[in-house]
């Protein structure tokens, strides 16, 4: 295993797409449950909970798939530091 592959890590649960996708998916499922169990008198002819729940569910699943397929790569410790061999010019001027 090379040093370059050891230093690369994914953001995982800290990726904002996971948070957004999870919340939208949960809210979408809640709206679909409300639509399924709401009485006809409360629902009337409007299917707002159905359409909003479906859209939120689909968008949430898209966010989760996006985060899974294209993860954010976080550099490991020491990946951005310069070494003494890369610095030229001698001692710093005061």
Protein backbone atom coordinates (compact mmCIF):
# COMPACT_ATOMS: atom_id res chain seq x y z
CA UNK A 1 0.00 0.00 0.00
CA UNK A 2 1.49 3.32 -0.97
CA UNK A 3 1.68 6.34 1.28
CA UNK A 4 -0.73 8.22 -0.97
CA UNK A 5 -3.55 5.68 -0.58
CA UNK A 6 -3.10 5.48 3.21
CA UNK A 7 -3.61 9.22 3.65
CA UNK A 8 -6.90 9.42 1.70
CA UNK A 9 -10.05 9.03 3.79
CA UNK A 10 -13.68 9.80 3.07
CA UNK A 11 -15.81 12.24 5.03
CA UNK A 12 -18.38 9.52 5.80
CA UNK A 13 -21.15 10.63 8.15
CA UNK A 14 -19.74 14.16 8.29
CA UNK A 15 -20.56 14.71 4.60
CA UNK A 16 -23.41 17.23 4.43
CA UNK A 17 -25.04 15.26 1.60
CA UNK A 18 -25.63 12.36 4.01
CA UNK A 19 -27.33 14.65 6.52
CA UNK A 20 -29.53 16.34 3.91
CA UNK A 21 -30.39 13.05 2.20
CA UNK A 22 -31.29 11.36 5.47
CA UNK A 23 -33.52 14.21 6.64
CA UNK A 24 -35.32 14.51 3.30
CA UNK A 25 -35.86 10.76 3.17
CA UNK A 26 -37.26 10.61 6.71
CA UNK A 27 -39.55 13.61 6.11
CA UNK A 28 -40.72 12.09 2.83
CA UNK A 29 -41.62 8.81 4.53
CA UNK A 30 -43.45 10.70 7.30
CA UNK A 31 -45.52 12.61 4.72
CA UNK A 32 -46.36 9.39 2.88
CA UNK A 33 -47.51 7.80 6.16
CA UNK A 34 -49.64 10.86 6.93
CA UNK A 35 -51.16 10.64 3.45
CA UNK A 36 -51.90 6.93 3.85
CA UNK A 37 -53.56 7.22 7.26
CA UNK A 38 -55.29 10.60 7.00
CA UNK A 39 -59.04 10.37 6.73
CA UNK A 40 -60.88 11.49 3.62
CA UNK A 41 -62.39 14.46 5.46
CA UNK A 42 -58.92 15.77 6.34
CA UNK A 43 -57.50 14.97 2.92
CA UNK A 44 -60.30 16.17 0.67
CA UNK A 45 -59.44 16.16 -3.02
CA UNK A 46 -55.87 17.32 -2.52
CA UNK A 47 -52.94 14.96 -2.53
CA UNK A 48 -50.36 17.44 -1.26
CA UNK A 49 -48.85 15.05 1.26
CA UNK A 50 -48.50 12.37 -1.41
CA UNK A 51 -46.67 14.55 -3.93
CA UNK A 52 -44.52 16.36 -1.38
CA UNK A 53 -43.62 13.04 0.26
CA UNK A 54 -42.71 11.41 -3.05
CA UNK A 55 -40.57 14.36 -4.15
CA UNK A 56 -38.77 14.55 -0.80
CA UNK A 57 -38.20 10.79 -0.80
CA UNK A 58 -36.75 10.80 -4.33
CA UNK A 59 -34.53 13.85 -3.73
CA UNK A 60 -33.31 12.40 -0.42
CA UNK A 61 -32.42 9.10 -2.10
CA UNK A 62 -30.60 11.00 -4.86
CA UNK A 63 -28.51 12.84 -2.24
CA UNK A 64 -27.68 9.57 -0.47
CA UNK A 65 -26.72 7.87 -3.75
CA UNK A 66 -24.59 10.86 -4.74
CA UNK A 67 -22.72 10.74 -1.43
CA UNK A 68 -22.20 6.99 -1.80
CA UNK A 69 -21.04 7.08 -5.43
CA UNK A 70 -18.83 10.20 -5.25
CA UNK A 71 -17.46 10.44 -1.69
CA UNK A 72 -15.54 13.48 -0.46
CA UNK A 73 -11.88 12.55 -0.04
CA UNK A 74 -10.18 14.09 2.97
CA UNK A 75 -6.39 14.27 3.04
CA UNK A 76 -4.70 12.61 5.98
CA UNK A 77 -2.37 14.31 8.44
CA UNK A 78 0.77 15.69 6.87
CA UNK A 79 -0.61 15.70 3.31
CA UNK A 80 -0.47 19.48 2.89
CA UNK A 81 2.73 20.20 4.80
CA UNK A 82 5.91 21.25 3.04
CA UNK A 83 9.14 19.44 3.73
CA UNK A 84 12.52 21.00 4.29
CA UNK A 85 13.70 19.71 0.92
CA UNK A 86 10.96 21.60 -0.92
CA UNK A 87 11.78 24.93 0.72
CA UNK A 88 14.52 26.90 -1.01
CA UNK A 89 16.29 30.08 -0.14
CA UNK A 90 18.15 29.16 3.00
CA UNK A 91 17.28 30.62 6.40
CA UNK A 92 14.38 33.03 6.83
CA UNK A 93 15.16 36.73 6.87
CA UNK A 94 14.40 38.67 10.02
